[in-house]
Amino acid sequence: MSDIAKTPQPPYYAVIFTSERTEGDHGYAETADEMVELASIQPGFLGVESAREGVGITVSYWDSLEAIQNWKQNERHLIAQRKGMSEWYLRYKTRVCRVERDYGFEAESKN
């Protein structure tokens, strides 16, 4: 996933998931894609950005703490969380933040 999420004006919330993987895929890529698809249809979901080179960082954006909690308790997500702890991750850290301000830059297309 390489797009920058198009988020609304703050405030909103960000869940930052930083991880270090075990060796091998063991179904990880397929489940990660499934989790993004599933999260994207959850009420309150605003977008996601992800990168992995050694350490993986996925940031998902939500409109409320309640939406984050509901996603955390989603049955399919709970299964993936358990598999993450038993097979996919050496370690991970989750941080939940309130976004108070954002800004950016986008170059104009030179067509």
Protein backbone atom coordinates (compact mmCIF):
# COMPACT_ATOMS: atom_id res chain seq x y z
CA MET A 1 0.00 0.00 0.00
CA SER A 2 1.64 3.24 -1.08
CA ASP A 3 -1.07 5.89 -1.01
CA ILE A 4 -1.23 8.65 1.57
CA ALA A 5 -4.59 8.47 3.34
CA LYS A 6 -6.99 11.31 2.62
CA THR A 7 -8.14 12.23 6.11
CA PRO A 8 -10.68 14.89 7.13
CA GLN A 9 -9.90 18.03 9.07
CA PRO A 10 -8.73 17.24 12.62
CA PRO A 11 -9.48 16.19 15.19
CA TYR A 12 -9.49 12.47 14.43
CA TYR A 13 -7.55 9.50 15.78
CA ALA A 14 -4.56 7.51 14.58
CA VAL A 15 -3.65 3.97 15.62
CA ILE A 16 0.06 3.40 15.04
CA PHE A 17 1.02 -0.27 14.88
CA THR A 18 4.78 -0.86 14.79
CA SER A 19 6.04 -4.42 14.44
CA GLU A 20 9.00 -6.68 13.88
CA ARG A 21 8.17 -9.86 11.94
CA THR A 22 9.26 -13.45 12.24
CA GLU A 23 10.88 -15.17 9.23
CA GLY A 24 8.59 -16.37 6.44
CA ASP A 25 5.11 -15.32 5.37
CA HIS A 26 2.91 -18.05 6.93
CA GLY A 27 -0.22 -16.43 5.46
CA TYR A 28 0.66 -12.96 6.76
CA ALA A 29 0.35 -10.99 3.48
CA GLU A 30 -3.05 -12.47 2.68
CA THR A 31 -4.37 -11.76 6.17
CA ALA A 32 -2.93 -8.23 6.17
CA ASP A 33 -4.78 -7.49 2.92
CA GLU A 34 -7.96 -8.99 4.37
CA MET A 35 -7.65 -6.83 7.51
CA VAL A 36 -7.30 -3.64 5.44
CA GLU A 37 -10.38 -4.59 3.40
CA LEU A 38 -12.34 -5.43 6.54
CA ALA A 39 -11.23 -2.29 8.40
CA SER A 40 -12.19 -0.11 5.43
CA ILE A 41 -15.86 -1.08 5.79
CA GLN A 42 -15.98 -0.50 9.56
CA PRO A 43 -17.94 2.53 10.78
CA GLY A 44 -15.56 5.35 11.61
CA PHE A 45 -12.66 4.15 9.43
CA LEU A 46 -10.93 7.04 7.63
CA GLY A 47 -7.88 5.50 5.94
CA VAL A 48 -4.64 3.56 6.34
CA GLU A 49 -0.96 3.87 5.46
CA SER A 50 1.60 1.09 5.74
CA ALA A 51 5.30 0.53 5.11
CA ARG A 52 7.70 -2.29 5.89
CA GLU A 53 11.45 -2.43 5.55
CA GLY A 54 12.74 -4.27 8.58
CA VAL A 55 10.35 -2.63 11.02
CA GLY A 56 6.76 -2.39 9.83
CA ILE A 57 4.58 0.61 10.55
CA THR A 58 0.86 0.73 9.82
CA VAL A 59 -1.17 3.79 10.73
CA SER A 60 -4.95 3.56 10.58
CA TYR A 61 -7.16 6.61 10.99
CA TRP A 62 -10.51 6.67 12.78
CA ASP A 63 -13.16 9.23 13.62
CA SER A 64 -13.55 8.20 17.28
CA LEU A 65 -12.15 6.15 20.12
CA GLU A 66 -15.34 4.08 20.00
CA ALA A 67 -14.66 3.15 16.35
CA ILE A 68 -11.13 2.06 17.31
CA GLN A 69 -12.44 -0.08 20.16
CA ASN A 70 -15.04 -1.67 17.90
CA TRP A 71 -12.33 -2.56 15.36
CA LYS A 72 -10.11 -3.97 18.10
CA GLN A 73 -12.99 -6.29 19.12
CA ASN A 74 -13.95 -7.35 15.57
CA GLU A 75 -14.08 -11.18 15.50
CA ARG A 76 -11.92 -11.63 12.38
CA HIS A 77 -9.45 -9.03 13.68
CA LEU A 78 -9.22 -10.88 17.03
CA ILE A 79 -8.29 -14.08 15.17
CA ALA A 80 -5.57 -12.22 13.25
CA GLN A 81 -4.29 -10.66 16.49
CA ARG A 82 -3.91 -14.10 18.10
CA LYS A 83 -2.13 -15.47 15.03
CA GLY A 84 0.14 -12.43 15.06
CA MET A 85 1.25 -13.21 18.60
CA SER A 86 1.70 -16.94 17.92
CA GLU A 87 3.28 -16.84 14.42
CA TRP A 88 3.96 -13.50 12.74
CA TYR A 89 5.52 -11.07 15.21
CA LEU A 90 8.65 -11.06 17.31
CA ARG A 91 7.33 -7.91 18.95
CA TYR A 92 4.89 -5.09 18.33
CA LYS A 93 3.65 -1.87 19.88
CA THR A 94 0.30 -0.15 19.37
CA ARG A 95 -0.18 3.54 20.06
CA VAL A 96 -3.49 5.41 19.91
CA CYS A 97 -3.21 9.16 19.30
CA ARG A 98 -5.53 12.08 18.77
CA VAL A 99 -4.54 14.07 15.69
CA GLU A 100 -4.87 17.75 16.54
CA ARG A 101 -3.29 19.21 13.43
CA ASP A 102 -2.18 18.02 10.01
CA TYR A 103 -0.73 19.64 6.93
CA GLY A 104 0.94 18.51 3.74
CA PHE A 105 2.24 19.23 0.28
CA GLU A 106 1.38 17.83 -3.12
CA ALA A 107 3.32 18.78 -6.24
CA GLU A 108 1.31 19.84 -9.25
CA SER A 109 1.18 17.36 -12.10
CA LYS A 110 3.50 18.32 -15.01
CA ASN A 111 1.53 16.81 -17.91
